[in-house]
Amino acid sequence: MKKIVYLSGGVGGAKFAKGLSKLNNIDLSIIVNTGDDEYIHGVALSPDIDSVIYGLANIEGNYGWGVLNDKFTVHNELKKFYDLNFMIGDKDLALNLFRNQMINDGLKLTEITDIIKNKFNIRCKILPMSDDKVSTKLITKNGEKLNFQNYFVEKKAKPRLSKVIYEGSRKANVTNQVINLIDQSEVLIIGPSNPILSIGPILSLSKINQSIQNHNNVIAISPFVGKKALKGPSVQNFIDMGYNPDIQGLKKYFKNRVNKFYVNHGDSDGSSNVFEDQIVFKNENDSKILAERILQNEWGKNNTYSRYSRN
């Protein structure tokens, strides 16, 4: 069994997580961003963790978040009392109410996440990057300070950014389990999530960052296709932070961390450590194929992890 660690954000990262999770002969651990975690309606939300769980349970909503065919009865009732920008479905809210109760009972987020993923019969490990609070804060060009949900939902990710802060990251502890999984993994894969808003919070934790720098086999999948985002505001965020949305920008951002990159066809700079492939997932089959191809490039095509073919 090959030990694989995968760093994931929400929707984009969850899509590739599905492909990895379907492969045979691997011991998969997913470490998820919690910089977006927030209290809404007095309830503790972990949006990226839930996107990964719902994706692996094959119940994710049509846009990659929330639960498929969920109802919004509670949301519509709450709208009678105050304006709401953030929509939470009834089933999604039920999960978050459970998480909230477990937090109040004294359980750590790592423990709670394990309980939840087991309820959905998910076999791989899913862990938050930290049990401590880390909040992604965005400083706009006009000096406004926003939390992630304000920026992404209320402002629709339109404000240009001058700075991104990962509040609490210096004091946040990382569990020994997370560090041991990274250190003992044979390959670490950074998913095609927003580098600034989804992967950045994970890398802001010094122990994780150091373990990644010490790792000798780290792969990053580009979130860009022809300098356009696979999803969300990642291109504009990258530009705002001083990086080009291409392989050169990714190399600069992940300097001293990543050994190999996977980009879409036509996006390579010709370097020997940059591999072109189909990184746009039209369906679940595509993510499985890319996952298998990455692992076969590592350990040879005689190693079979799945039996899927392109349609």
Protein backbone atom coordinates (compact mmCIF):
# COMPACT_ATOMS: atom_id res chain seq x y z
CA MET A 1 0.00 0.00 0.00
CA LYS A 2 1.46 3.33 -1.08
CA LYS A 3 1.04 6.06 1.54
CA ILE A 4 -0.41 9.18 -0.07
CA VAL A 5 -1.12 12.53 1.61
CA TYR A 6 -3.33 14.98 -0.22
CA LEU A 7 -3.74 18.67 0.68
CA SER A 8 -7.18 19.94 -0.24
CA GLY A 9 -9.37 22.99 -0.22
CA GLY A 10 -13.07 22.77 -0.98
CA VAL A 11 -14.77 22.28 -4.35
CA GLY A 12 -11.74 22.01 -6.67
CA GLY A 13 -9.73 19.93 -4.24
CA ALA A 14 -12.70 17.69 -3.49
CA LYS A 15 -13.08 16.74 -7.15
CA PHE A 16 -9.57 15.32 -7.33
CA ALA A 17 -9.98 13.74 -3.89
CA LYS A 18 -12.80 11.66 -5.38
CA GLY A 19 -10.47 10.33 -8.05
CA LEU A 20 -7.75 9.45 -5.55
CA SER A 21 -10.23 7.77 -3.22
CA LYS A 22 -11.38 5.37 -5.94
CA LEU A 23 -7.91 3.92 -6.51
CA ASN A 24 -6.72 0.59 -5.17
CA ASN A 25 -3.52 -0.20 -3.29
CA ILE A 26 -3.10 3.20 -1.65
CA ASP A 27 -3.38 4.41 1.94
CA LEU A 28 -4.89 7.87 1.44
CA SER A 29 -4.94 10.69 3.99
CA ILE A 30 -6.54 14.04 3.15
CA ILE A 31 -5.54 17.16 5.09
CA VAL A 32 -8.09 19.91 4.61
CA ASN A 33 -8.04 23.69 4.88
CA THR A 34 -9.99 25.14 7.80
CA GLY A 35 -9.21 28.81 7.20
CA ASP A 36 -12.78 29.25 5.91
CA ASP A 37 -14.36 27.85 9.09
CA GLU A 38 -16.95 30.20 10.51
CA TYR A 39 -19.88 30.44 12.89
CA ILE A 40 -23.12 31.18 11.02
CA HIS A 41 -26.51 31.19 12.76
CA GLY A 42 -24.48 30.33 15.87
CA VAL A 43 -23.39 27.06 14.29
CA ALA A 44 -19.82 25.93 13.56
CA LEU A 45 -19.23 25.44 9.83
CA SER A 46 -16.24 23.73 8.20
CA PRO A 47 -17.06 24.28 4.51
CA ASP A 48 -13.98 22.69 2.94
CA ILE A 49 -14.08 19.61 5.17
CA ASP A 50 -17.75 19.16 4.34
CA SER A 51 -17.13 19.59 0.59
CA VAL A 52 -14.56 16.80 0.74
CA ILE A 53 -16.83 14.54 2.82
CA TYR A 54 -19.89 15.14 0.65
CA GLY A 55 -17.82 14.55 -2.47
CA LEU A 56 -16.39 11.25 -1.24
CA ALA A 57 -19.87 10.20 -0.12
CA ASN A 58 -21.21 11.06 -3.62
CA ILE A 59 -23.87 13.41 -2.27
CA GLU A 60 -22.33 16.78 -3.11
CA GLY A 61 -24.55 19.49 -4.54
CA ASN A 62 -24.57 20.46 -8.21
CA TYR A 63 -22.05 23.26 -7.60
CA GLY A 64 -19.72 21.07 -5.55
CA TRP A 65 -20.88 22.36 -2.16
CA GLY A 66 -23.74 21.41 0.11
CA VAL A 67 -25.87 18.28 -0.23
CA LEU A 68 -27.52 17.15 -3.45
CA ASN A 69 -31.26 17.93 -3.61
CA ASP A 70 -31.19 19.51 -0.16
CA LYS A 71 -34.15 21.56 1.04
CA PHE A 72 -33.86 25.08 2.45
CA THR A 73 -36.78 25.17 4.84
CA VAL A 74 -34.78 26.53 7.78
CA HIS A 75 -32.97 29.04 5.59
CA ASN A 76 -36.25 30.38 4.21
CA GLU A 77 -37.70 30.70 7.71
CA LEU A 78 -34.63 32.58 8.94
CA LYS A 79 -34.96 35.03 6.04
CA LYS A 80 -38.12 36.31 7.69
CA PHE A 81 -36.00 37.65 10.54
CA TYR A 82 -32.83 38.98 8.87
CA ASP A 83 -31.01 39.21 5.56
CA LEU A 84 -29.04 36.12 4.61
CA ASN A 85 -26.27 35.87 2.05
CA PHE A 86 -25.07 32.40 2.97
CA MET A 87 -27.40 29.53 2.08
CA ILE A 88 -27.28 26.36 4.18
CA GLY A 89 -29.54 23.45 3.29
CA ASP A 90 -31.43 21.50 5.93
CA LYS A 91 -29.28 18.34 5.72
CA ASP A 92 -26.12 20.43 5.64
CA LEU A 93 -27.32 22.35 8.69
CA ALA A 94 -28.04 19.10 10.52
CA LEU A 95 -24.43 17.99 10.07
CA ASN A 96 -23.16 21.35 11.29
CA LEU A 97 -25.48 21.25 14.31
CA PHE A 98 -23.95 17.88 15.17
CA ARG A 99 -20.44 19.31 14.79
CA ASN A 100 -21.41 22.26 16.96
CA GLN A 101 -22.71 19.98 19.71
CA MET A 102 -19.56 17.87 19.63
CA ILE A 103 -17.43 21.02 19.98
CA ASN A 104 -19.55 22.08 22.95
CA ASP A 105 -19.02 18.60 24.43
CA GLY A 106 -15.27 19.17 24.31
CA LEU A 107 -14.26 17.12 21.27
CA LYS A 108 -11.53 18.34 18.93
CA LEU A 109 -12.21 19.00 15.25
CA THR A 110 -9.98 16.05 14.29
CA GLU A 111 -12.10 13.70 16.39
CA ILE A 112 -15.36 15.16 15.10
CA THR A 113 -14.25 14.93 11.47
CA ASP A 114 -13.35 11.27 11.95
CA ILE A 115 -16.79 10.54 13.44
CA ILE A 116 -18.56 12.31 10.58
CA LYS A 117 -16.59 10.67 7.78
CA ASN A 118 -17.17 7.26 9.36
CA LYS A 119 -20.93 7.95 9.39
CA PHE A 120 -20.65 8.32 5.61
CA ASN A 121 -18.60 5.09 5.31
CA ILE A 122 -15.56 6.91 3.94
CA ARG A 123 -12.50 4.71 4.22
CA CYS A 124 -9.64 7.17 3.77
CA LYS A 125 -8.47 9.47 6.54
CA ILE A 126 -9.74 13.06 6.55
CA LEU A 127 -8.12 15.52 8.94
CA PRO A 128 -8.35 19.26 9.52
CA MET A 129 -5.06 21.10 9.16
CA SER A 130 -5.36 22.10 12.83
CA ASP A 131 -7.76 21.77 15.74
CA ASP A 132 -7.11 25.42 16.57
CA LYS A 133 -8.80 28.42 14.99
CA VAL A 134 -7.09 29.87 11.92
CA SER A 135 -9.07 32.50 10.01
CA THR A 136 -8.32 33.70 6.51
CA LYS A 137 -8.72 37.48 6.46
CA LEU A 138 -8.62 39.51 3.27
CA ILE A 139 -7.51 43.12 3.08
CA THR A 140 -8.96 44.85 0.03
CA LYS A 141 -7.29 47.55 -2.03
CA ASN A 142 -9.48 50.14 -0.28
CA GLY A 143 -8.40 48.91 3.15
CA GLU A 144 -11.51 46.93 4.07
CA LYS A 145 -10.89 43.79 6.17
CA LEU A 146 -13.11 40.83 5.28
CA ASN A 147 -13.41 37.29 6.51
CA PHE A 148 -13.64 34.60 3.87
CA GLN A 149 -17.42 34.27 3.82
CA ASN A 150 -17.88 38.06 3.57
CA TYR A 151 -15.48 38.18 0.66
CA PHE A 152 -16.61 35.06 -1.17
CA VAL A 153 -20.36 35.05 -0.59
CA GLU A 154 -21.45 38.60 0.23
CA LYS A 155 -18.94 40.39 -2.02
CA LYS A 156 -18.89 37.57 -4.60
CA ALA A 157 -15.05 37.58 -4.57
CA LYS A 158 -15.01 40.83 -6.56
CA PRO A 159 -12.82 43.15 -4.40
CA ARG A 160 -9.17 43.34 -5.38
CA LEU A 161 -6.84 42.33 -2.57
CA SER A 162 -3.75 43.99 -1.15
CA LYS A 163 -2.99 41.39 1.51
CA VAL A 164 -4.15 38.04 2.87
CA ILE A 165 -3.68 37.21 6.56
CA TYR A 166 -4.04 33.79 8.17
CA GLU A 167 -4.99 34.92 11.65
CA GLY A 168 -4.04 32.53 14.42
CA SER A 169 -1.61 30.48 12.34
CA ARG A 170 1.44 31.35 14.47
CA LYS A 171 -0.21 30.04 17.63
CA ALA A 172 -2.18 27.18 16.11
CA ASN A 173 -0.98 23.70 16.97
CA VAL A 174 -0.71 20.90 14.43
CA THR A 175 -1.53 17.40 15.61
CA ASN A 176 1.21 14.78 15.69
CA GLN A 177 -1.03 12.66 13.48
CA VAL A 178 -0.92 15.22 10.67
CA ILE A 179 2.85 15.63 10.87
CA ASN A 180 3.45 11.87 11.05
CA LEU A 181 1.23 11.26 8.03
CA ILE A 182 3.15 13.84 6.00
CA ASP A 183 6.56 12.58 7.14
CA GLN A 184 5.69 8.94 6.48
CA SER A 185 4.01 9.47 3.11
CA GLU A 186 5.66 8.31 -0.08
CA VAL A 187 4.15 11.11 -2.09
CA LEU A 188 2.38 14.32 -1.07
CA ILE A 189 -0.03 15.85 -3.57
CA ILE A 190 -1.24 19.45 -3.44
CA GLY A 191 -4.64 19.63 -5.09
CA PRO A 192 -5.91 22.09 -7.72
CA SER A 193 -7.35 24.38 -5.06
CA ASN A 194 -6.93 28.15 -4.81
CA PRO A 195 -3.26 28.55 -3.77
CA ILE A 196 -3.87 31.73 -1.78
CA LEU A 197 -7.20 31.01 -0.08
CA SER A 198 -7.24 27.21 0.23
CA ILE A 199 -3.64 25.94 0.26
CA GLY A 200 -2.09 29.07 1.78
CA PRO A 201 -3.76 28.59 5.18
CA ILE A 202 -2.35 25.06 5.39
CA LEU A 203 1.15 26.23 4.47
CA SER A 204 0.89 29.06 7.01
CA LEU A 205 1.23 26.45 9.76
CA SER A 206 4.97 26.31 10.32
CA LYS A 207 5.16 22.63 11.26
CA ILE A 208 3.27 21.56 8.15
CA ASN A 209 5.27 23.91 5.97
CA GLN A 210 8.56 22.57 7.36
CA SER A 211 7.49 18.95 6.89
CA ILE A 212 6.58 19.68 3.28
CA GLN A 213 9.92 21.40 2.67
CA ASN A 214 11.68 18.35 4.11
CA HIS A 215 9.64 15.95 1.95
CA ASN A 216 11.41 14.62 -1.14
CA ASN A 217 8.37 13.91 -3.29
CA VAL A 218 5.78 16.71 -3.44
CA ILE A 219 3.50 17.14 -6.45
CA ALA A 220 1.26 20.12 -7.18
CA ILE A 221 -1.66 20.09 -9.62
CA SER A 222 -2.23 23.44 -11.26
CA PRO A 223 -5.53 25.24 -10.59
CA PHE A 224 -5.03 27.20 -13.83
CA VAL A 225 -5.76 26.33 -17.44
CA GLY A 226 -4.35 28.75 -19.99
CA LYS A 227 -4.03 31.41 -17.27
CA LYS A 228 -7.70 31.01 -16.41
CA ALA A 229 -9.08 29.56 -13.18
CA LEU A 230 -10.56 26.10 -13.06
CA LYS A 231 -12.99 27.57 -10.56
CA GLY A 232 -13.38 30.67 -8.40
CA PRO A 233 -11.20 33.77 -8.02
CA SER A 234 -7.81 32.03 -7.89
CA VAL A 235 -6.39 33.88 -10.92
CA GLN A 236 -7.22 37.34 -9.56
CA ASN A 237 -6.05 36.34 -6.06
CA PHE A 238 -2.76 35.09 -7.46
CA ILE A 239 -2.20 38.25 -9.48
CA ASP A 240 -3.11 40.45 -6.51
CA MET A 241 -0.47 38.67 -4.42
CA GLY A 242 2.20 39.24 -7.07
CA TYR A 243 2.21 35.92 -8.94
CA ASN A 244 1.51 35.10 -12.57
CA PRO A 245 -1.33 32.56 -13.00
CA ASP A 246 0.86 30.05 -14.82
CA ILE A 247 3.57 27.48 -14.17
CA GLN A 248 6.17 30.18 -13.48
CA GLY A 249 3.95 31.75 -10.86
CA LEU A 250 3.27 28.37 -9.28
CA LYS A 251 6.99 27.61 -9.12
CA LYS A 252 7.58 30.93 -7.40
CA TYR A 253 4.73 30.43 -4.93
CA PHE A 254 5.69 26.84 -4.06
CA LYS A 255 9.44 27.49 -4.04
CA ASN A 256 11.38 24.95 -1.92
CA ARG A 257 8.22 22.90 -1.44
CA VAL A 258 7.20 21.23 -4.71
CA ASN A 259 9.29 18.85 -6.83
CA LYS A 260 6.87 18.18 -9.70
CA PHE A 261 3.95 19.98 -11.30
CA TYR A 262 1.00 18.76 -13.36
CA VAL A 263 -0.47 21.32 -15.75
CA ASN A 264 -2.99 21.20 -18.56
CA HIS A 265 -1.91 20.45 -22.12
CA GLY A 266 -0.07 23.44 -23.55
CA ASP A 267 0.69 25.04 -20.18
CA SER A 268 4.18 23.60 -19.55
CA ASP A 269 7.34 25.69 -19.63
CA GLY A 270 9.31 22.74 -20.96
CA SER A 271 10.99 21.89 -17.65
CA SER A 272 11.64 18.23 -16.88
CA ASN A 273 9.65 18.45 -13.65
CA VAL A 274 6.49 19.77 -15.33
CA PHE A 275 4.06 17.23 -16.77
CA GLU A 276 1.19 17.99 -19.12
CA ASP A 277 -2.09 16.13 -18.72
CA GLN A 278 -5.83 16.68 -18.68
CA ILE A 279 -6.49 18.51 -15.43
CA VAL A 280 -9.99 19.66 -16.39
CA PHE A 281 -12.38 17.10 -14.94
CA LYS A 282 -15.51 16.77 -17.05
CA ASN A 283 -16.63 13.84 -14.94
CA GLU A 284 -15.49 11.66 -12.05
CA ASN A 285 -13.74 9.31 -14.46
CA ASP A 286 -11.31 12.04 -15.51
CA SER A 287 -10.10 12.66 -11.96
CA LYS A 288 -9.57 8.93 -11.45
CA ILE A 289 -7.50 8.72 -14.62
CA LEU A 290 -5.27 11.64 -13.67
CA ALA A 291 -4.80 10.23 -10.16
CA GLU A 292 -3.80 6.86 -11.56
CA ARG A 293 -1.47 8.38 -14.14
CA ILE A 294 0.32 10.44 -11.49
CA LEU A 295 0.91 7.36 -9.36
CA GLN A 296 2.01 5.27 -12.35
CA ASN A 297 4.51 7.98 -13.27
CA GLU A 298 5.87 7.62 -9.74
CA TRP A 299 6.03 3.84 -9.52
CA GLY A 300 5.71 2.45 -13.03
CA LYS A 301 2.84 1.52 -15.32
CA ASN A 302 2.94 -2.07 -14.13
CA ASN A 303 1.42 -0.84 -10.89
CA THR A 304 -2.35 -0.93 -11.37
CA TYR A 305 -4.47 1.28 -9.15
CA SER A 306 -7.71 1.22 -11.14
CA ARG A 307 -9.17 0.00 -14.40
CA TYR A 308 -10.77 3.13 -15.76
CA SER A 309 -10.45 4.51 -19.26
CA ARG A 310 -11.43 7.76 -20.87
CA ASN A 311 -14.87 7.92 -22.47
